[in-house]
Amino acid sequence: MDKQFFDYAPILIFIVCFLFKNKIFVTPEQLLDIKTKMVEYVAEHYVPIELYRDNHKRLEAQIDIIGQRIEKVDTNVDELKNMFITKLKN
């Protein structure tokens, strides 16, 4: 058993050194630091879902109002067009 361990010991040492060198193992403090940075990033760059939904509803209402106004303008233009056509015919 000791013979097999000594045969593979250099490979095991190399693997452990490789893992430490490339920072494969992470401490809880490092995880907490990364979590804190991620929370700060998300808070700075994204909006809460409630705020998004409220703004989306307001935007839809404004688009509906604009659509109604465009329809009114369109009907007024049609009425004017028809009025001019009837005046020209007479």
Protein backbone atom coordinates (compact mmCIF):
# COMPACT_ATOMS: atom_id res chain seq x y z
CA MET A 1 0.00 0.00 0.00
CA ASP A 2 2.82 2.41 0.86
CA LYS A 3 4.49 1.61 -2.45
CA GLN A 4 1.40 2.63 -4.41
CA PHE A 5 1.05 5.84 -2.40
CA PHE A 6 4.65 6.81 -3.08
CA ASP A 7 4.20 6.07 -6.76
CA TYR A 8 1.25 8.48 -7.02
CA ALA A 9 2.46 11.08 -4.47
CA PRO A 10 4.10 13.41 -7.06
CA ILE A 11 0.92 13.43 -9.12
CA LEU A 12 -1.21 14.16 -6.07
CA ILE A 13 1.12 16.98 -5.00
CA PHE A 14 1.00 18.43 -8.51
CA ILE A 15 -2.81 18.31 -8.58
CA VAL A 16 -3.17 19.96 -5.15
CA CYS A 17 -0.67 22.69 -6.09
CA PHE A 18 -2.49 23.27 -9.38
CA LEU A 19 -5.82 23.63 -7.58
CA PHE A 20 -4.42 26.11 -5.07
CA LYS A 21 -2.57 28.08 -7.73
CA ASN A 22 -5.70 28.49 -9.86
CA LYS A 23 -7.81 29.37 -6.81
CA ILE A 24 -10.19 26.48 -7.19
CA PHE A 25 -10.83 26.40 -3.45
CA VAL A 26 -12.78 29.35 -2.06
CA THR A 27 -13.12 30.45 1.52
CA PRO A 28 -16.47 31.50 3.01
CA GLU A 29 -15.15 35.07 3.36
CA GLN A 30 -14.44 35.20 -0.36
CA LEU A 31 -17.92 33.89 -1.12
CA LEU A 32 -19.46 36.51 1.15
CA ASP A 33 -17.42 39.24 -0.55
CA ILE A 34 -18.55 38.10 -4.00
CA LYS A 35 -22.16 37.92 -2.83
CA THR A 36 -21.97 41.47 -1.46
CA LYS A 37 -20.51 42.76 -4.72
CA MET A 38 -23.22 41.00 -6.73
CA VAL A 39 -26.00 42.43 -4.58
CA GLU A 40 -24.56 45.94 -4.97
CA TYR A 41 -24.23 45.50 -8.74
CA VAL A 42 -27.80 44.27 -9.10
CA ALA A 43 -29.11 47.14 -6.95
CA GLU A 44 -27.27 49.68 -9.12
CA HIS A 45 -28.07 48.27 -12.55
CA TYR A 46 -31.55 46.73 -12.29
CA VAL A 47 -34.96 47.92 -11.08
CA PRO A 48 -37.29 46.01 -8.79
CA ILE A 49 -40.04 44.05 -10.54
CA GLU A 50 -42.79 46.06 -8.81
CA LEU A 51 -41.38 49.33 -10.13
CA TYR A 52 -41.06 47.84 -13.60
CA ARG A 53 -44.68 46.64 -13.59
CA ASP A 54 -45.99 50.02 -12.38
CA ASN A 55 -44.06 51.89 -15.05
CA HIS A 56 -45.15 49.38 -17.69
CA LYS A 57 -48.82 49.91 -16.80
CA ARG A 58 -48.38 53.70 -16.93
CA LEU A 59 -46.67 53.45 -20.29
CA GLU A 60 -49.44 51.27 -21.70
CA ALA A 61 -52.04 53.78 -20.46
CA GLN A 62 -50.16 56.64 -22.11
CA ILE A 63 -49.90 54.69 -25.36
CA ASP A 64 -53.66 54.04 -25.26
CA ILE A 65 -54.32 57.77 -24.75
CA ILE A 66 -52.04 58.64 -27.66
CA GLY A 67 -53.81 56.05 -29.83
CA GLN A 68 -57.20 57.56 -28.97
CA ARG A 69 -55.93 61.04 -29.84
CA ILE A 70 -54.58 59.80 -33.16
CA GLU A 71 -57.95 58.22 -33.94
CA LYS A 72 -59.67 61.55 -33.17
CA VAL A 73 -57.27 63.40 -35.44
CA ASP A 74 -57.82 60.81 -38.15
CA THR A 75 -61.60 61.14 -37.94
CA ASN A 76 -61.31 64.95 -37.97
CA VAL A 77 -59.12 64.79 -41.08
CA ASP A 78 -61.62 62.45 -42.76
CA GLU A 79 -64.45 64.84 -41.90
CA LEU A 80 -62.50 67.78 -43.33
CA LYS A 81 -61.67 65.81 -46.46
CA ASN A 82 -65.33 64.89 -46.96
CA MET A 83 -66.35 68.49 -46.33
CA PHE A 84 -63.91 69.80 -48.95
CA ILE A 85 -65.04 67.16 -51.44
CA THR A 86 -68.68 68.14 -51.01
CA LYS A 87 -67.80 71.86 -51.32
CA LEU A 88 -65.85 71.21 -54.51
CA LYS A 89 -68.70 69.19 -56.02
CA ASN A 90 -71.16 72.00 -55.36
